[in-house]
Amino acid sequence: MQPIYITKADHAKLVTLIQAERQVGGDQPVGALDTELKRAKLVDSAVVPPDVVTMNSVVRLRELKSKTELEITLVYPKDADVGRRKISILAPVATAVLGCRVGDQVEWPLPKGTATYAIEAILYQPEAAGPL
């Protein structure tokens, strides 16, 4: 597996999230995210490449079989809103794309098989956008 890139700030918040979620739900809801964090290369927010998916990034994905596009924003669970395409980092698709780069392909399990998506573009990345 190729490394994924996660900012040190995102990593710290995600580790705290995993610990909190384990207190209420055990390992099941956070197991995949914990596994991803263990293979991550940590980088400073100021130097994360602009083609890396970070927390609060808006990402355009393309399903490889059907060519269907999907645009999502990776958010913390408290900010999730499926109607506005704000997807919790605990959802399989968000966990799969976190830390990946434009051009990478990701897979995640579905009830009937596996979905394979290509990361086509990062429409917004907070680190690249700079301070508000």
N, C-alpha and C. Protein backbone atom coordinates (compact mmCIF):
# COMPACT_ATOMS: atom_id res chain seq x y z
N MET A 1 0.84 -1.19 0.00
CA MET A 1 0.00 0.00 0.00
C MET A 1 0.87 1.25 0.00
N GLN A 2 0.47 2.20 -0.80
CA GLN A 2 1.21 3.45 -0.79
C GLN A 2 0.81 4.29 0.41
N PRO A 3 1.72 5.15 0.87
CA PRO A 3 1.39 5.94 2.05
C PRO A 3 0.30 6.97 1.76
N ILE A 4 -0.37 7.34 2.81
CA ILE A 4 -1.31 8.45 2.72
C ILE A 4 -0.72 9.59 3.54
N TYR A 5 -1.16 10.80 3.25
CA TYR A 5 -0.63 11.99 3.91
C TYR A 5 -1.72 12.64 4.74
N ILE A 6 -1.44 12.84 6.01
CA ILE A 6 -2.41 13.46 6.92
C ILE A 6 -1.69 14.56 7.68
N THR A 7 -2.36 15.70 7.79
CA THR A 7 -1.73 16.78 8.54
C THR A 7 -1.64 16.39 10.01
N LYS A 8 -0.65 16.94 10.67
CA LYS A 8 -0.48 16.66 12.09
C LYS A 8 -1.70 17.12 12.88
N ALA A 9 -2.28 18.26 12.49
CA ALA A 9 -3.48 18.76 13.18
C ALA A 9 -4.66 17.82 13.00
N ASP A 10 -4.90 17.36 11.75
CA ASP A 10 -6.00 16.42 11.51
C ASP A 10 -5.75 15.12 12.27
N HIS A 11 -4.52 14.64 12.27
CA HIS A 11 -4.19 13.39 12.94
C HIS A 11 -4.52 13.48 14.43
N ALA A 12 -4.13 14.56 15.07
CA ALA A 12 -4.40 14.72 16.51
C ALA A 12 -5.90 14.71 16.78
N LYS A 13 -6.69 15.42 15.97
CA LYS A 13 -8.14 15.46 16.16
C LYS A 13 -8.76 14.09 15.90
N LEU A 14 -8.25 13.39 14.89
CA LEU A 14 -8.82 12.08 14.55
C LEU A 14 -8.49 11.03 15.62
N VAL A 15 -7.31 11.09 16.19
CA VAL A 15 -6.97 10.17 17.28
C VAL A 15 -7.89 10.41 18.47
N THR A 16 -8.15 11.67 18.78
CA THR A 16 -9.08 12.00 19.87
C THR A 16 -10.48 11.49 19.56
N LEU A 17 -10.91 11.65 18.30
CA LEU A 17 -12.22 11.15 17.87
C LEU A 17 -12.30 9.63 18.04
N ILE A 18 -11.28 8.92 17.61
CA ILE A 18 -11.26 7.46 17.73
C ILE A 18 -11.38 7.04 19.20
N GLN A 19 -10.62 7.69 20.05
CA GLN A 19 -10.68 7.36 21.48
C GLN A 19 -12.07 7.59 22.05
N ALA A 20 -12.69 8.71 21.69
CA ALA A 20 -14.04 9.02 22.18
C ALA A 20 -15.06 8.02 21.65
N GLU A 21 -14.97 7.69 20.37
CA GLU A 21 -15.92 6.76 19.76
C GLU A 21 -15.78 5.36 20.35
N ARG A 22 -14.58 4.96 20.68
CA ARG A 22 -14.37 3.64 21.29
C ARG A 22 -15.05 3.54 22.65
N GLN A 23 -15.16 4.66 23.35
CA GLN A 23 -15.81 4.67 24.66
C GLN A 23 -17.30 4.34 24.54
N VAL A 24 -17.92 4.75 23.43
CA VAL A 24 -19.37 4.55 23.28
C VAL A 24 -19.73 3.41 22.33
N GLY A 25 -18.89 3.14 21.34
CA GLY A 25 -19.26 2.16 20.34
C GLY A 25 -18.30 1.02 20.11
N GLY A 26 -17.22 0.98 20.85
CA GLY A 26 -16.24 -0.07 20.64
C GLY A 26 -15.39 0.19 19.41
N ASP A 27 -14.73 -0.86 18.92
CA ASP A 27 -13.81 -0.72 17.79
C ASP A 27 -14.49 -0.69 16.43
N GLN A 28 -15.67 -1.26 16.31
CA GLN A 28 -16.31 -1.42 15.00
C GLN A 28 -16.41 -0.11 14.20
N PRO A 29 -16.96 0.96 14.77
CA PRO A 29 -17.14 2.16 13.95
C PRO A 29 -15.84 2.86 13.57
N VAL A 30 -14.75 2.61 14.29
CA VAL A 30 -13.51 3.37 14.06
C VAL A 30 -12.34 2.50 13.60
N GLY A 31 -12.56 1.23 13.45
CA GLY A 31 -11.46 0.32 13.10
C GLY A 31 -10.76 0.67 11.80
N ALA A 32 -11.52 0.96 10.76
CA ALA A 32 -10.92 1.28 9.45
C ALA A 32 -10.14 2.59 9.52
N LEU A 33 -10.70 3.58 10.20
CA LEU A 33 -10.00 4.86 10.32
C LEU A 33 -8.71 4.68 11.11
N ASP A 34 -8.75 3.92 12.18
CA ASP A 34 -7.55 3.67 12.98
C ASP A 34 -6.47 3.01 12.13
N THR A 35 -6.86 2.05 11.30
CA THR A 35 -5.91 1.36 10.42
C THR A 35 -5.28 2.35 9.44
N GLU A 36 -6.09 3.23 8.87
CA GLU A 36 -5.57 4.22 7.93
C GLU A 36 -4.58 5.17 8.61
N LEU A 37 -4.90 5.60 9.81
CA LEU A 37 -4.00 6.52 10.52
C LEU A 37 -2.64 5.89 10.80
N LYS A 38 -2.63 4.59 11.01
CA LYS A 38 -1.37 3.90 11.31
C LYS A 38 -0.43 3.88 10.11
N ARG A 39 -0.95 3.99 8.90
CA ARG A 39 -0.08 3.97 7.72
C ARG A 39 0.19 5.37 7.18
N ALA A 40 -0.28 6.37 7.88
CA ALA A 40 -0.17 7.75 7.40
C ALA A 40 1.21 8.34 7.62
N LYS A 41 1.62 9.15 6.67
CA LYS A 41 2.79 9.99 6.82
C LYS A 41 2.27 11.34 7.30
N LEU A 42 2.74 11.80 8.46
CA LEU A 42 2.26 13.05 9.03
C LEU A 42 3.06 14.22 8.48
N VAL A 43 2.33 15.27 8.08
CA VAL A 43 2.95 16.46 7.51
C VAL A 43 2.36 17.70 8.17
N ASP A 44 3.13 18.77 8.16
CA ASP A 44 2.62 20.05 8.66
C ASP A 44 1.57 20.58 7.71
N SER A 45 0.57 21.27 8.26
CA SER A 45 -0.50 21.85 7.44
C SER A 45 0.06 22.80 6.39
N ALA A 46 1.11 23.51 6.72
CA ALA A 46 1.67 24.51 5.81
C ALA A 46 2.34 23.89 4.58
N VAL A 47 2.68 22.61 4.66
CA VAL A 47 3.40 21.99 3.54
C VAL A 47 2.66 20.81 2.91
N VAL A 48 1.43 20.55 3.34
CA VAL A 48 0.69 19.44 2.74
C VAL A 48 0.45 19.78 1.26
N PRO A 49 0.74 18.84 0.35
CA PRO A 49 0.52 19.13 -1.07
C PRO A 49 -0.95 19.44 -1.35
N PRO A 50 -1.23 20.33 -2.29
CA PRO A 50 -2.61 20.74 -2.58
C PRO A 50 -3.46 19.65 -3.23
N ASP A 51 -2.84 18.54 -3.65
CA ASP A 51 -3.61 17.45 -4.27
C ASP A 51 -3.88 16.32 -3.29
N VAL A 52 -3.72 16.58 -1.99
CA VAL A 52 -3.98 15.59 -0.95
C VAL A 52 -5.32 15.89 -0.29
N VAL A 53 -6.13 14.86 -0.09
CA VAL A 53 -7.43 15.00 0.57
C VAL A 53 -7.21 15.11 2.08
N THR A 54 -7.61 16.25 2.64
CA THR A 54 -7.52 16.50 4.07
C THR A 54 -8.93 16.64 4.63
N MET A 55 -9.03 16.74 5.94
CA MET A 55 -10.34 16.99 6.54
C MET A 55 -10.90 18.30 6.02
N ASN A 56 -12.19 18.33 5.78
CA ASN A 56 -12.94 19.47 5.25
C ASN A 56 -12.64 19.77 3.80
N SER A 57 -11.95 18.86 3.12
CA SER A 57 -11.75 19.00 1.67
C SER A 57 -13.04 18.64 0.94
N VAL A 58 -13.25 19.28 -0.19
CA VAL A 58 -14.34 18.94 -1.10
C VAL A 58 -13.69 18.16 -2.25
N VAL A 59 -14.18 16.94 -2.46
CA VAL A 59 -13.53 16.01 -3.37
C VAL A 59 -14.52 15.52 -4.42
N ARG A 60 -14.06 15.45 -5.69
CA ARG A 60 -14.89 14.85 -6.74
C ARG A 60 -14.31 13.48 -7.07
N LEU A 61 -15.19 12.47 -6.96
CA LEU A 61 -14.83 11.08 -7.22
C LEU A 61 -15.58 10.59 -8.45
N ARG A 62 -15.02 9.58 -9.13
CA ARG A 62 -15.71 8.94 -10.24
C ARG A 62 -15.66 7.44 -10.04
N GLU A 63 -16.86 6.82 -10.02
CA GLU A 63 -16.96 5.37 -9.90
C GLU A 63 -16.48 4.76 -11.21
N LEU A 64 -15.58 3.79 -11.14
CA LEU A 64 -14.92 3.31 -12.35
C LEU A 64 -15.81 2.48 -13.27
N LYS A 65 -16.75 1.73 -12.73
CA LYS A 65 -17.61 0.92 -13.59
C LYS A 65 -18.69 1.74 -14.28
N SER A 66 -19.42 2.51 -13.50
CA SER A 66 -20.56 3.25 -14.06
C SER A 66 -20.20 4.65 -14.55
N LYS A 67 -19.01 5.12 -14.18
CA LYS A 67 -18.55 6.48 -14.52
C LYS A 67 -19.34 7.57 -13.79
N THR A 68 -20.11 7.18 -12.77
CA THR A 68 -20.90 8.13 -11.99
C THR A 68 -19.98 9.01 -11.16
N GLU A 69 -20.28 10.31 -11.13
CA GLU A 69 -19.52 11.24 -10.30
C GLU A 69 -20.16 11.40 -8.94
N LEU A 70 -19.33 11.65 -7.95
CA LEU A 70 -19.77 11.86 -6.59
C LEU A 70 -18.91 12.98 -6.02
N GLU A 71 -19.55 13.99 -5.45
CA GLU A 71 -18.82 15.09 -4.83
C GLU A 71 -19.15 15.10 -3.34
N ILE A 72 -18.11 15.04 -2.50
CA ILE A 72 -18.33 14.98 -1.06
C ILE A 72 -17.38 15.93 -0.33
N THR A 73 -17.77 16.28 0.88
CA THR A 73 -16.90 17.02 1.79
C THR A 73 -16.65 16.12 2.99
N LEU A 74 -15.38 15.93 3.36
CA LEU A 74 -15.03 15.12 4.52
C LEU A 74 -15.16 15.96 5.78
N VAL A 75 -15.98 15.50 6.72
CA VAL A 75 -16.21 16.26 7.95
C VAL A 75 -16.16 15.33 9.16
N TYR A 76 -16.09 15.96 10.33
CA TYR A 76 -16.19 15.21 11.57
C TYR A 76 -17.66 14.82 11.78
N PRO A 77 -17.91 13.74 12.52
CA PRO A 77 -19.28 13.23 12.66
C PRO A 77 -20.32 14.29 13.07
N LYS A 78 -19.96 15.20 13.94
CA LYS A 78 -20.92 16.22 14.40
C LYS A 78 -21.36 17.16 13.28
N ASP A 79 -20.57 17.26 12.21
CA ASP A 79 -20.88 18.15 11.09
C ASP A 79 -21.49 17.44 9.89
N ALA A 80 -21.68 16.12 10.00
CA ALA A 80 -22.19 15.34 8.86
C ALA A 80 -23.61 15.75 8.49
N ASP A 81 -23.86 15.82 7.20
CA ASP A 81 -25.17 16.16 6.65
C ASP A 81 -25.23 15.58 5.25
N VAL A 82 -25.76 14.38 5.12
CA VAL A 82 -25.76 13.67 3.85
C VAL A 82 -26.47 14.48 2.76
N GLY A 83 -27.52 15.19 3.12
CA GLY A 83 -28.24 16.01 2.14
C GLY A 83 -27.39 17.10 1.52
N ARG A 84 -26.38 17.56 2.27
CA ARG A 84 -25.47 18.58 1.76
C ARG A 84 -24.14 17.97 1.35
N ARG A 85 -24.10 16.63 1.25
CA ARG A 85 -22.92 15.86 0.84
C ARG A 85 -21.73 16.06 1.78
N LYS A 86 -22.02 16.32 3.05
CA LYS A 86 -20.99 16.40 4.07
C LYS A 86 -20.94 15.05 4.75
N ILE A 87 -19.89 14.29 4.46
CA ILE A 87 -19.82 12.90 4.85
C ILE A 87 -18.86 12.72 6.03
N SER A 88 -19.34 12.04 7.07
CA SER A 88 -18.54 11.78 8.26
C SER A 88 -17.29 10.99 7.90
N ILE A 89 -16.19 11.36 8.53
CA ILE A 89 -14.94 10.64 8.33
C ILE A 89 -15.06 9.18 8.74
N LEU A 90 -16.08 8.83 9.52
CA LEU A 90 -16.28 7.44 9.92
C LEU A 90 -16.99 6.63 8.84
N ALA A 91 -17.53 7.28 7.81
CA ALA A 91 -18.16 6.57 6.70
C ALA A 91 -17.06 5.94 5.84
N PRO A 92 -17.31 4.74 5.30
CA PRO A 92 -16.27 4.06 4.53
C PRO A 92 -15.67 4.90 3.39
N VAL A 93 -16.48 5.64 2.66
CA VAL A 93 -15.96 6.44 1.55
C VAL A 93 -15.01 7.52 2.05
N ALA A 94 -15.35 8.18 3.14
CA ALA A 94 -14.49 9.25 3.66
C ALA A 94 -13.19 8.68 4.20
N THR A 95 -13.28 7.59 4.94
CA THR A 95 -12.08 6.95 5.45
C THR A 95 -11.17 6.53 4.29
N ALA A 96 -11.77 6.02 3.21
CA ALA A 96 -10.99 5.53 2.08
C ALA A 96 -10.22 6.65 1.37
N VAL A 97 -10.79 7.84 1.25
CA VAL A 97 -10.13 8.90 0.48
C VAL A 97 -9.21 9.79 1.31
N LEU A 98 -9.38 9.80 2.63
CA LEU A 98 -8.55 10.65 3.47
C LEU A 98 -7.08 10.38 3.24
N GLY A 99 -6.32 11.43 2.95
CA GLY A 99 -4.88 11.30 2.79
C GLY A 99 -4.43 10.87 1.41
N CYS A 100 -5.37 10.51 0.55
CA CYS A 100 -5.03 10.11 -0.81
C CYS A 100 -4.83 11.35 -1.68
N ARG A 101 -4.35 11.11 -2.90
CA ARG A 101 -4.05 12.20 -3.82
C ARG A 101 -4.92 12.10 -5.07
N VAL A 102 -5.03 13.22 -5.75
CA VAL A 102 -5.73 13.24 -7.04
C VAL A 102 -5.06 12.19 -7.93
N GLY A 103 -5.88 11.38 -8.60
CA GLY A 103 -5.38 10.31 -9.45
C GLY A 103 -5.37 8.95 -8.79
N ASP A 104 -5.39 8.92 -7.46
CA ASP A 104 -5.43 7.64 -6.74
C ASP A 104 -6.78 6.97 -6.93
N GLN A 105 -6.78 5.65 -6.81
CA GLN A 105 -8.01 4.88 -6.81
C GLN A 105 -8.20 4.29 -5.42
N VAL A 106 -9.45 4.29 -4.97
CA VAL A 106 -9.76 3.76 -3.65
C VAL A 106 -10.91 2.77 -3.75
N GLU A 107 -10.94 1.84 -2.83
CA GLU A 107 -12.02 0.85 -2.77
C GLU A 107 -12.61 0.87 -1.37
N TRP A 108 -13.91 0.59 -1.29
CA TRP A 108 -14.53 0.39 0.01
C TRP A 108 -15.68 -0.58 -0.16
N PRO A 109 -15.99 -1.32 0.90
CA PRO A 109 -17.02 -2.35 0.82
C PRO A 109 -18.42 -1.77 0.74
N LEU A 110 -19.25 -2.45 -0.04
CA LEU A 110 -20.68 -2.16 -0.13
C LEU A 110 -21.42 -3.41 0.31
N PRO A 111 -22.73 -3.31 0.55
CA PRO A 111 -23.46 -4.51 0.94
C PRO A 111 -23.32 -5.65 -0.08
N LYS A 112 -23.20 -5.29 -1.36
CA LYS A 112 -23.05 -6.33 -2.39
C LYS A 112 -21.80 -6.07 -3.23
N GLY A 113 -20.64 -6.28 -2.63
CA GLY A 113 -19.41 -6.13 -3.39
C GLY A 113 -18.55 -4.97 -2.89
N THR A 114 -17.80 -4.42 -3.83
CA THR A 114 -16.86 -3.36 -3.52
C THR A 114 -17.02 -2.23 -4.53
N ALA A 115 -16.92 -1.01 -4.07
CA ALA A 115 -16.94 0.15 -4.96
C ALA A 115 -15.50 0.60 -5.19
N THR A 116 -15.18 0.94 -6.42
CA THR A 116 -13.87 1.47 -6.76
C THR A 116 -14.05 2.83 -7.40
N TYR A 117 -13.44 3.81 -6.81
CA TYR A 117 -13.54 5.20 -7.27
C TYR A 117 -12.15 5.76 -7.54
N ALA A 118 -12.08 6.66 -8.51
CA ALA A 118 -10.88 7.44 -8.76
C ALA A 118 -11.09 8.82 -8.16
N ILE A 119 -10.07 9.35 -7.53
CA ILE A 119 -10.13 10.72 -7.03
C ILE A 119 -9.80 11.62 -8.21
N GLU A 120 -10.81 12.32 -8.71
CA GLU A 120 -10.64 13.15 -9.90
C GLU A 120 -10.12 14.54 -9.60
N ALA A 121 -10.61 15.14 -8.53
CA ALA A 121 -10.20 16.52 -8.23
C ALA A 121 -10.47 16.85 -6.78
N ILE A 122 -9.69 17.76 -6.29
CA ILE A 122 -9.97 18.37 -5.00
C ILE A 122 -10.45 19.78 -5.32
N LEU A 123 -11.73 20.01 -5.07
CA LEU A 123 -12.34 21.30 -5.40
C LEU A 123 -12.04 22.35 -4.33
N TYR A 124 -11.77 21.89 -3.13
CA TYR A 124 -11.38 22.78 -2.04
C TYR A 124 -10.58 22.00 -1.03
N GLN A 125 -9.45 22.55 -0.62
CA GLN A 125 -8.66 21.98 0.45
C GLN A 125 -8.32 23.14 1.40
N PRO A 126 -8.73 23.06 2.66
CA PRO A 126 -8.53 24.20 3.56
C PRO A 126 -7.09 24.67 3.67
N GLU A 127 -6.15 23.75 3.66
CA GLU A 127 -4.74 24.14 3.78
C GLU A 127 -4.27 24.92 2.58
N ALA A 128 -4.72 24.53 1.39
CA ALA A 128 -4.32 25.25 0.17
C ALA A 128 -5.03 26.60 0.07
N ALA A 129 -6.22 26.69 0.63
CA ALA A 129 -7.01 27.93 0.56
C ALA A 129 -6.43 29.00 1.47
N GLY A 130 -5.70 28.61 2.50
CA GLY A 130 -5.11 29.58 3.42
C GLY A 130 -6.09 30.01 4.48
N PRO A 131 -5.63 30.91 5.35
CA PRO A 131 -6.50 31.35 6.45
C PRO A 131 -7.73 32.11 5.97
N LEU A 132 -8.81 31.97 6.71
CA LEU A 132 -10.06 32.66 6.35
C LEU A 132 -9.98 34.13 6.67
